[in-house]
Amino acid sequence: MNNPGFERLAGKVAIVTGAGSGIGEAAARAFAREGASVVLVGRREAPLAATADVIRAAGGEAVVVTGNVSDADDVDAVITRSIDHFGRLDHLFNNAGIQGSGGPIVDMAETAFDELIAINLKGPWLMTRAALRVMMPSGRPGAIVNTSSFLSTAATIGTSAYSASKAGLDAMIRAIALEAGPHGIRVNNINPGVIDTPMLRAHGDAIIPPLAARAALGRVGTPEDIADAAVWLCTDEARFITGQSILVDGGFTIPGPR
């Protein structure tokens, strides 16, 4: 986008999954604002197209690719389309995720567990594998960021599968960081606290004030809070950070269990 002096990712290409709403939408706009060309990935074309329109209207470049991140063929198609369209790949933000039906383990269906693990853990694994197969041979440095959660090390009733999927993501990146590091590619997680997204609002607006009151900063997070952290981790300012799961929660977890 036309924002002289602040385009820290000028000339770069970034893939953002789950780019149709919430954190993914905000991240797509943030990457574009910093000068990156953005590949918007998700299962529904309409919200992705709306995000792309906003980016293009501000002078940025964006392409829409629909697909399911838990499907290896779809993932390969995303990478192929990205390279065909922009000629390179520098950054990947694995943000697509679901909370699933949740509920106490005794009430949770096996299919719900499988879907949650497929989207939240297998999806980033597949996307990262496909991206690294392109990024490593390029000889260029790059960065991969995943959306984890504060629930990777905490839990509430009904998050047995969700917490497991995010804890797996935290463990996964440590190994991948070792494999990618010699190629100049960094791999990190952002672990959001409570963020005001459609996923949170699905529990009802009344949930927001009491959650905000528990945070040190007195508010829940915004999608932009996480988006800006994701972009920063892809800039040269974070050049010596890899294999880390970074909590971005406004102090929500400081007091510990409640």
C-alpha atoms as a PDB file:
ATOM      1  CA  MET A   1       0.000   0.000   0.000  1.00  0.00           C
ATOM      2  CA  ASN A   2       1.029   3.597  -0.436  1.00  0.00           C
ATOM      3  CA  ASN A   3       2.476   4.277   3.011  1.00  0.00           C
ATOM      4  CA  PRO A   4       6.036   5.579   2.514  1.00  0.00           C
ATOM      5  CA  GLY A   5       8.395   5.021   5.423  1.00  0.00           C
ATOM      6  CA  PHE A   6       6.398   2.249   7.016  1.00  0.00           C
ATOM      7  CA  GLU A   7       6.549  -0.543   4.425  1.00  0.00           C
ATOM      8  CA  ARG A   8       8.707  -2.993   6.356  1.00  0.00           C
ATOM      9  CA  LEU A   9       7.626  -5.875   4.112  1.00  0.00           C
ATOM     10  CA  ALA A  10       7.835  -4.139   0.735  1.00  0.00           C
ATOM     11  CA  GLY A  11       8.367  -6.627  -2.078  1.00  0.00           C
ATOM     12  CA  LYS A  12       7.461  -9.606   0.104  1.00  0.00           C
ATOM     13  CA  VAL A  13       4.637 -12.104  -0.386  1.00  0.00           C
ATOM     14  CA  ALA A  14       2.601 -13.376   2.552  1.00  0.00           C
ATOM     15  CA  ILE A  15      -0.077 -16.063   2.814  1.00  0.00           C
ATOM     16  CA  VAL A  16      -2.743 -15.522   5.465  1.00  0.00           C
ATOM     17  CA  THR A  17      -5.167 -18.340   6.252  1.00  0.00           C
ATOM     18  CA  GLY A  18      -8.556 -17.646   7.768  1.00  0.00           C
ATOM     19  CA  ALA A  19      -8.345 -14.232   6.125  1.00  0.00           C
ATOM     20  CA  GLY A  20     -12.074 -13.624   5.790  1.00  0.00           C
ATOM     21  CA  SER A  21     -12.788 -12.391   9.300  1.00  0.00           C
ATOM     22  CA  GLY A  22     -11.407 -11.632  12.738  1.00  0.00           C
ATOM     23  CA  ILE A  23      -7.662 -11.913  13.260  1.00  0.00           C
ATOM     24  CA  GLY A  24      -7.032 -13.187   9.738  1.00  0.00           C
ATOM     25  CA  GLU A  25      -8.796 -10.262   8.101  1.00  0.00           C
ATOM     26  CA  ALA A  26      -6.944  -7.763  10.273  1.00  0.00           C
ATOM     27  CA  ALA A  27      -3.643  -9.515   9.561  1.00  0.00           C
ATOM     28  CA  ALA A  28      -4.192  -9.513   5.810  1.00  0.00           C
ATOM     29  CA  ARG A  29      -4.757  -5.757   5.916  1.00  0.00           C
ATOM     30  CA  ALA A  30      -1.734  -5.274   8.177  1.00  0.00           C
ATOM     31  CA  PHE A  31       0.600  -7.252   5.918  1.00  0.00           C
ATOM     32  CA  ALA A  32      -0.620  -5.271   2.925  1.00  0.00           C
ATOM     33  CA  ARG A  33      -0.201  -1.986   4.801  1.00  0.00           C
ATOM     34  CA  GLU A  34       3.461  -2.912   5.328  1.00  0.00           C
ATOM     35  CA  GLY A  35       3.915  -3.411   1.591  1.00  0.00           C
ATOM     36  CA  ALA A  36       3.485  -7.173   1.228  1.00  0.00           C
ATOM     37  CA  SER A  37       1.418  -8.777  -1.511  1.00  0.00           C
ATOM     38  CA  VAL A  38      -1.087 -11.020   0.231  1.00  0.00           C
ATOM     39  CA  VAL A  39      -2.636 -14.387  -0.590  1.00  0.00           C
ATOM     40  CA  LEU A  40      -5.975 -14.678   1.220  1.00  0.00           C
ATOM     41  CA  VAL A  41      -6.978 -18.244   2.099  1.00  0.00           C
ATOM     42  CA  GLY A  42     -10.205 -19.608   3.548  1.00  0.00           C
ATOM     43  CA  ARG A  43     -13.124 -21.901   2.894  1.00  0.00           C
ATOM     44  CA  ARG A  44     -15.633 -19.186   1.893  1.00  0.00           C
ATOM     45  CA  GLU A  45     -14.929 -16.968  -1.095  1.00  0.00           C
ATOM     46  CA  ALA A  46     -17.236 -14.034  -0.286  1.00  0.00           C
ATOM     47  CA  PRO A  47     -15.522 -12.805   2.907  1.00  0.00           C
ATOM     48  CA  LEU A  48     -12.096 -13.328   1.340  1.00  0.00           C
ATOM     49  CA  ALA A  49     -13.156 -11.249  -1.659  1.00  0.00           C
ATOM     50  CA  ALA A  50     -14.362  -8.496   0.676  1.00  0.00           C
ATOM     51  CA  THR A  51     -10.988  -8.414   2.417  1.00  0.00           C
ATOM     52  CA  ALA A  52      -9.221  -8.330  -0.947  1.00  0.00           C
ATOM     53  CA  ASP A  53     -11.379  -5.404  -2.053  1.00  0.00           C
ATOM     54  CA  VAL A  54     -10.343  -3.400   1.018  1.00  0.00           C
ATOM     55  CA  ILE A  55      -6.673  -4.112   0.373  1.00  0.00           C
ATOM     56  CA  ARG A  56      -6.873  -3.210  -3.322  1.00  0.00           C
ATOM     57  CA  ALA A  57      -8.831  -0.042  -2.601  1.00  0.00           C
ATOM     58  CA  ALA A  58      -5.929   1.116  -0.444  1.00  0.00           C
ATOM     59  CA  GLY A  59      -3.407   0.379  -3.177  1.00  0.00           C
ATOM     60  CA  GLY A  60      -2.297  -3.089  -2.109  1.00  0.00           C
ATOM     61  CA  GLU A  61      -2.117  -6.387  -3.951  1.00  0.00           C
ATOM     62  CA  ALA A  62      -4.184  -9.428  -2.952  1.00  0.00           C
ATOM     63  CA  VAL A  63      -5.312 -12.692  -4.484  1.00  0.00           C
ATOM     64  CA  VAL A  64      -8.034 -14.997  -3.151  1.00  0.00           C
ATOM     65  CA  VAL A  65      -7.605 -18.777  -2.944  1.00  0.00           C
ATOM     66  CA  THR A  66     -10.370 -20.887  -1.422  1.00  0.00           C
ATOM     67  CA  GLY A  67      -9.506 -24.166   0.237  1.00  0.00           C
ATOM     68  CA  ASN A  68      -9.482 -26.279   3.372  1.00  0.00           C
ATOM     69  CA  VAL A  69      -6.167 -26.161   5.238  1.00  0.00           C
ATOM     70  CA  SER A  70      -6.671 -29.715   6.502  1.00  0.00           C
ATOM     71  CA  ASP A  71      -6.741 -31.052   2.928  1.00  0.00           C
ATOM     72  CA  ALA A  72      -3.265 -31.668   1.487  1.00  0.00           C
ATOM     73  CA  ASP A  73      -4.407 -31.176  -2.113  1.00  0.00           C
ATOM     74  CA  ASP A  74      -6.022 -27.841  -1.261  1.00  0.00           C
ATOM     75  CA  VAL A  75      -2.888 -26.762   0.566  1.00  0.00           C
ATOM     76  CA  ASP A  76      -0.646 -27.626  -2.364  1.00  0.00           C
ATOM     77  CA  ALA A  77      -2.995 -25.668  -4.625  1.00  0.00           C
ATOM     78  CA  VAL A  78      -2.654 -22.610  -2.366  1.00  0.00           C
ATOM     79  CA  ILE A  79       1.136 -22.689  -2.614  1.00  0.00           C
ATOM     80  CA  THR A  80       1.069 -23.291  -6.371  1.00  0.00           C
ATOM     81  CA  ARG A  81      -1.339 -20.396  -6.930  1.00  0.00           C
ATOM     82  CA  SER A  82       0.781 -18.122  -4.756  1.00  0.00           C
ATOM     83  CA  ILE A  83       3.941 -18.854  -6.706  1.00  0.00           C
ATOM     84  CA  ASP A  84       2.188 -18.693 -10.070  1.00  0.00           C
ATOM     85  CA  HIS A  85       0.661 -15.315  -9.234  1.00  0.00           C
ATOM     86  CA  PHE A  86       3.451 -13.556  -7.324  1.00  0.00           C
ATOM     87  CA  GLY A  87       6.554 -15.599  -8.148  1.00  0.00           C
ATOM     88  CA  ARG A  88       7.770 -16.005  -4.577  1.00  0.00           C
ATOM     89  CA  LEU A  89       6.773 -16.711  -0.971  1.00  0.00           C
ATOM     90  CA  ASP A  90       8.318 -15.047   2.063  1.00  0.00           C
ATOM     91  CA  HIS A  91       5.823 -15.303   4.915  1.00  0.00           C
ATOM     92  CA  LEU A  92       3.031 -17.565   6.097  1.00  0.00           C
ATOM     93  CA  PHE A  93       0.534 -16.714   8.821  1.00  0.00           C
ATOM     94  CA  ASN A  94      -1.308 -19.894   9.808  1.00  0.00           C
ATOM     95  CA  ASN A  95      -4.336 -18.333  11.441  1.00  0.00           C
ATOM     96  CA  ALA A  96      -7.255 -20.521  10.356  1.00  0.00           C
ATOM     97  CA  GLY A  97      -8.771 -22.322  13.333  1.00  0.00           C
ATOM     98  CA  ILE A  98     -11.979 -23.419  15.012  1.00  0.00           C
ATOM     99  CA  GLN A  99     -13.194 -23.857  18.571  1.00  0.00           C
ATOM    100  CA  GLY A 100     -15.390 -26.770  17.571  1.00  0.00           C
ATOM    101  CA  SER A 101     -18.456 -27.909  19.447  1.00  0.00           C
ATOM    102  CA  GLY A 102     -16.464 -28.316  22.643  1.00  0.00           C
ATOM    103  CA  GLY A 103     -18.226 -29.332  25.803  1.00  0.00           C
ATOM    104  CA  PRO A 104     -17.194 -31.781  28.528  1.00  0.00           C
ATOM    105  CA  ILE A 105     -15.235 -34.727  27.216  1.00  0.00           C
ATOM    106  CA  VAL A 106     -17.992 -37.192  28.132  1.00  0.00           C
ATOM    107  CA  ASP A 107     -20.370 -35.338  25.803  1.00  0.00           C
ATOM    108  CA  MET A 108     -17.959 -34.648  22.946  1.00  0.00           C
ATOM    109  CA  ALA A 109     -18.252 -36.636  19.724  1.00  0.00           C
ATOM    110  CA  GLU A 110     -15.175 -38.276  18.264  1.00  0.00           C
ATOM    111  CA  THR A 111     -15.876 -36.566  14.948  1.00  0.00           C
ATOM    112  CA  ALA A 112     -15.774 -33.163  16.665  1.00  0.00           C
ATOM    113  CA  PHE A 113     -12.364 -34.006  18.128  1.00  0.00           C
ATOM    114  CA  ASP A 114     -11.072 -35.139  14.731  1.00  0.00           C
ATOM    115  CA  GLU A 115     -12.270 -31.974  12.979  1.00  0.00           C
ATOM    116  CA  LEU A 116     -10.733 -29.696  15.579  1.00  0.00           C
ATOM    117  CA  ILE A 117      -7.344 -31.403  15.459  1.00  0.00           C
ATOM    118  CA  ALA A 118      -7.469 -31.475  11.646  1.00  0.00           C
ATOM    119  CA  ILE A 119      -8.032 -27.723  11.314  1.00  0.00           C
ATOM    120  CA  ASN A 120      -6.025 -26.418  14.281  1.00  0.00           C
ATOM    121  CA  LEU A 121      -2.993 -28.715  14.196  1.00  0.00           C
ATOM    122  CA  LYS A 122      -2.824 -30.726  10.989  1.00  0.00           C
ATOM    123  CA  GLY A 123      -3.727 -27.639   8.942  1.00  0.00           C
ATOM    124  CA  PRO A 124      -0.736 -25.554  10.094  1.00  0.00           C
ATOM    125  CA  TRP A 125       1.495 -28.623   9.704  1.00  0.00           C
ATOM    126  CA  LEU A 126       0.373 -29.126   6.102  1.00  0.00           C
ATOM    127  CA  MET A 127       0.625 -25.431   5.252  1.00  0.00           C
ATOM    128  CA  THR A 128       4.077 -25.149   6.835  1.00  0.00           C
ATOM    129  CA  ARG A 129       5.332 -28.265   5.052  1.00  0.00           C
ATOM    130  CA  ALA A 130       4.141 -27.002   1.682  1.00  0.00           C
ATOM    131  CA  ALA A 131       5.483 -23.491   2.279  1.00  0.00           C
ATOM    132  CA  LEU A 132       8.915 -24.682   3.391  1.00  0.00           C
ATOM    133  CA  ARG A 133       9.226 -26.865   0.311  1.00  0.00           C
ATOM    134  CA  VAL A 134       9.182 -23.609  -1.649  1.00  0.00           C
ATOM    135  CA  MET A 135      10.865 -21.257   0.808  1.00  0.00           C
ATOM    136  CA  MET A 136      13.904 -23.382   1.668  1.00  0.00           C
ATOM    137  CA  PRO A 137      15.208 -23.797  -1.912  1.00  0.00           C
ATOM    138  CA  SER A 138      14.733 -20.082  -2.619  1.00  0.00           C
ATOM    139  CA  GLY A 139      17.728 -19.139  -0.481  1.00  0.00           C
ATOM    140  CA  ARG A 140      15.826 -16.152   0.908  1.00  0.00           C
ATOM    141  CA  PRO A 141      15.109 -15.609   4.610  1.00  0.00           C
ATOM    142  CA  GLY A 142      11.491 -15.733   5.697  1.00  0.00           C
ATOM    143  CA  ALA A 143       9.147 -16.220   8.599  1.00  0.00           C
ATOM    144  CA  ILE A 144       6.187 -18.396   9.535  1.00  0.00           C
ATOM    145  CA  VAL A 145       3.772 -17.457  12.306  1.00  0.00           C
ATOM    146  CA  ASN A 146       0.924 -19.532  13.740  1.00  0.00           C
ATOM    147  CA  THR A 147      -2.043 -18.530  15.864  1.00  0.00           C
ATOM    148  CA  SER A 148      -1.937 -20.620  19.010  1.00  0.00           C
ATOM    149  CA  SER A 149      -3.776 -19.692  22.236  1.00  0.00           C
ATOM    150  CA  PHE A 150      -3.297 -18.991  25.920  1.00  0.00           C
ATOM    151  CA  LEU A 151      -5.288 -22.200  26.306  1.00  0.00           C
ATOM    152  CA  SER A 152      -2.264 -24.175  25.129  1.00  0.00           C
ATOM    153  CA  THR A 153      -1.014 -23.969  28.712  1.00  0.00           C
ATOM    154  CA  ALA A 154      -4.344 -23.327  30.425  1.00  0.00           C
ATOM    155  CA  ALA A 155      -7.845 -24.716  30.127  1.00  0.00           C
ATOM    156  CA  THR A 156     -11.480 -24.173  30.912  1.00  0.00           C
ATOM    157  CA  ILE A 157     -14.231 -26.750  31.090  1.00  0.00           C
ATOM    158  CA  GLY A 158     -14.930 -28.001  27.598  1.00  0.00           C
ATOM    159  CA  THR A 159     -11.534 -27.231  26.015  1.00  0.00           C
ATOM    160  CA  SER A 160      -9.917 -30.674  26.203  1.00  0.00           C
ATOM    161  CA  ALA A 161      -9.575 -30.955  22.425  1.00  0.00           C
ATOM    162  CA  TYR A 162      -8.981 -27.265  21.725  1.00  0.00           C
ATOM    163  CA  SER A 163      -6.269 -26.957  24.371  1.00  0.00           C
ATOM    164  CA  ALA A 164      -4.632 -30.132  23.069  1.00  0.00           C
ATOM    165  CA  SER A 165      -4.598 -28.788  19.508  1.00  0.00           C
ATOM    166  CA  LYS A 166      -2.896 -25.562  20.561  1.00  0.00           C
ATOM    167  CA  ALA A 167      -0.418 -27.271  22.899  1.00  0.00           C
ATOM    168  CA  GLY A 168       0.520 -29.494  19.973  1.00  0.00           C
ATOM    169  CA  LEU A 169       1.108 -26.400  17.868  1.00  0.00           C
ATOM    170  CA  ASP A 170       3.435 -24.956  20.506  1.00  0.00           C
ATOM    171  CA  ALA A 171       5.453 -28.177  20.572  1.00  0.00           C
ATOM    172  CA  MET A 172       5.476 -28.521  16.796  1.00  0.00           C
ATOM    173  CA  ILE A 173       7.148 -25.195  16.044  1.00  0.00           C
ATOM    174  CA  ARG A 174      10.153 -25.926  18.217  1.00  0.00           C
ATOM    175  CA  ALA A 175      11.114 -28.835  15.994  1.00  0.00           C
ATOM    176  CA  ILE A 176      10.313 -26.970  12.786  1.00  0.00           C
ATOM    177  CA  ALA A 177      12.347 -23.958  13.916  1.00  0.00           C
ATOM    178  CA  LEU A 178      15.407 -26.217  14.161  1.00  0.00           C
ATOM    179  CA  GLU A 179      14.816 -27.552  10.646  1.00  0.00           C
ATOM    180  CA  ALA A 180      14.104 -24.170   9.092  1.00  0.00           C
ATOM    181  CA  GLY A 181      16.730 -22.137  10.931  1.00  0.00           C
ATOM    182  CA  PRO A 182      19.701 -23.114   8.745  1.00  0.00           C
ATOM    183  CA  HIS A 183      17.764 -21.707   5.788  1.00  0.00           C
ATOM    184  CA  GLY A 184      17.220 -18.359   7.502  1.00  0.00           C
ATOM    185  CA  ILE A 185      13.533 -19.072   8.111  1.00  0.00           C
ATOM    186  CA  ARG A 186      12.049 -18.314  11.514  1.00  0.00           C
ATOM    187  CA  VAL A 187       8.980 -20.050  12.974  1.00  0.00           C
ATOM    188  CA  ASN A 188       6.988 -18.655  15.900  1.00  0.00           C
ATOM    189  CA  ASN A 189       3.562 -18.736  17.502  1.00  0.00           C
ATOM    190  CA  ILE A 190       1.372 -15.988  18.835  1.00  0.00           C
ATOM    191  CA  ASN A 191      -0.744 -17.115  21.781  1.00  0.00           C
ATOM    192  CA  PRO A 192      -3.679 -14.698  21.990  1.00  0.00           C
ATOM    193  CA  GLY A 193      -5.635 -14.182  25.150  1.00  0.00           C
ATOM    194  CA  VAL A 194      -9.293 -13.220  24.906  1.00  0.00           C
ATOM    195  CA  ILE A 195      -9.809 -11.464  21.565  1.00  0.00           C
ATOM    196  CA  ASP A 196     -12.983  -9.738  20.360  1.00  0.00           C
ATOM    197  CA  THR A 197     -13.682 -11.829  17.264  1.00  0.00           C
ATOM    198  CA  PRO A 198     -16.823 -13.413  15.788  1.00  0.00           C
ATOM    199  CA  MET A 199     -15.687 -16.645  17.459  1.00  0.00           C
ATOM    200  CA  LEU A 200     -15.846 -14.977  20.869  1.00  0.00           C
ATOM    201  CA  ARG A 201     -19.063 -13.083  20.127  1.00  0.00           C
ATOM    202  CA  ALA A 202     -20.713 -16.415  19.304  1.00  0.00           C
ATOM    203  CA  HIS A 203     -20.863 -16.938  23.074  1.00  0.00           C
ATOM    204  CA  GLY A 204     -22.923 -13.738  23.442  1.00  0.00           C
ATOM    205  CA  ASP A 205     -21.939 -10.106  23.949  1.00  0.00           C
ATOM    206  CA  ALA A 206     -22.513 -10.364  27.699  1.00  0.00           C
ATOM    207  CA  ILE A 207     -19.343 -12.399  28.035  1.00  0.00           C
ATOM    208  CA  ILE A 208     -17.108  -9.449  27.103  1.00  0.00           C
ATOM    209  CA  PRO A 209     -17.262  -7.132  30.189  1.00  0.00           C
ATOM    210  CA  PRO A 210     -16.378  -9.758  32.829  1.00  0.00           C
ATOM    211  CA  LEU A 211     -13.512 -11.054  30.711  1.00  0.00           C
ATOM    212  CA  ALA A 212     -12.221  -7.530  30.154  1.00  0.00           C
ATOM    213  CA  ALA A 213     -12.307  -6.868  33.886  1.00  0.00           C
ATOM    214  CA  ARG A 214      -9.921  -9.768  34.491  1.00  0.00           C
ATOM    215  CA  ALA A 215      -7.171  -8.402  32.247  1.00  0.00           C
ATOM    216  CA  ALA A 216      -4.403  -6.175  33.552  1.00  0.00           C
ATOM    217  CA  LEU A 217      -5.122  -3.688  30.774  1.00  0.00           C
ATOM    218  CA  GLY A 218      -8.856  -3.723  31.498  1.00  0.00           C
ATOM    219  CA  ARG A 219     -10.012  -4.813  28.058  1.00  0.00           C
ATOM    220  CA  VAL A 220     -10.188  -7.774  25.750  1.00  0.00           C
ATOM    221  CA  GLY A 221      -7.907  -7.769  22.747  1.00  0.00           C
ATOM    222  CA  THR A 222      -8.747  -6.644  19.247  1.00  0.00           C
ATOM    223  CA  PRO A 223      -7.901  -8.534  16.049  1.00  0.00           C
ATOM    224  CA  GLU A 224      -5.459  -5.727  15.262  1.00  0.00           C
ATOM    225  CA  ASP A 225      -3.529  -6.441  18.480  1.00  0.00           C
ATOM    226  CA  ILE A 226      -2.717  -9.918  17.181  1.00  0.00           C
ATOM    227  CA  ALA A 227      -2.338  -8.881  13.544  1.00  0.00           C
ATOM    228  CA  ASP A 228       0.309  -6.302  14.398  1.00  0.00           C
ATOM    229  CA  ALA A 229       2.234  -8.876  16.440  1.00  0.00           C
ATOM    230  CA  ALA A 230       2.133 -11.314  13.520  1.00  0.00           C
ATOM    231  CA  VAL A 231       3.483  -8.707  11.127  1.00  0.00           C
ATOM    232  CA  TRP A 232       6.202  -7.694  13.562  1.00  0.00           C
ATOM    233  CA  LEU A 233       7.384 -11.294  13.865  1.00  0.00           C
ATOM    234  CA  CYS A 234       7.840 -11.317  10.087  1.00  0.00           C
ATOM    235  CA  THR A 235       9.891  -8.124   9.998  1.00  0.00           C
ATOM    236  CA  ASP A 236      13.634  -7.817  10.442  1.00  0.00           C
ATOM    237  CA  GLU A 237      12.968  -6.296  13.851  1.00  0.00           C
ATOM    238  CA  ALA A 238      12.276  -9.844  15.089  1.00  0.00           C
ATOM    239  CA  ARG A 239      15.244 -11.345  13.236  1.00  0.00           C
ATOM    240  CA  PHE A 240      16.633 -13.222  16.271  1.00  0.00           C
ATOM    241  CA  ILE A 241      13.349 -14.730  17.485  1.00  0.00           C
ATOM    242  CA  THR A 242      12.433 -18.275  16.504  1.00  0.00           C
ATOM    243  CA  GLY A 243      10.817 -21.338  18.055  1.00  0.00           C
ATOM    244  CA  GLN A 244       8.872 -19.193  20.508  1.00  0.00           C
ATOM    245  CA  SER A 245       5.234 -19.120  21.589  1.00  0.00           C
ATOM    246  CA  ILE A 246       4.579 -15.518  22.553  1.00  0.00           C
ATOM    247  CA  LEU A 247       1.654 -14.665  24.817  1.00  0.00           C
ATOM    248  CA  VAL A 248      -0.300 -11.596  23.678  1.00  0.00           C
ATOM    249  CA  ASP A 249      -3.114 -11.292  26.196  1.00  0.00           C
ATOM    250  CA  GLY A 250      -3.158  -7.852  27.823  1.00  0.00           C
ATOM    251  CA  GLY A 251      -2.252  -9.465  31.134  1.00  0.00           C
ATOM    252  CA  PHE A 252      -5.328 -11.717  31.217  1.00  0.00           C
ATOM    253  CA  THR A 253      -3.367 -14.735  32.449  1.00  0.00           C
ATOM    254  CA  ILE A 254      -1.149 -12.976  35.007  1.00  0.00           C
ATOM    255  CA  PRO A 255      -3.249 -13.910  38.063  1.00  0.00           C
ATOM    256  CA  GLY A 256      -3.321 -17.551  36.995  1.00  0.00           C
ATOM    257  CA  PRO A 257      -6.298 -19.872  37.468  1.00  0.00           C
ATOM    258  CA  ARG A 258      -9.547 -18.335  38.642  1.00  0.00           C
END
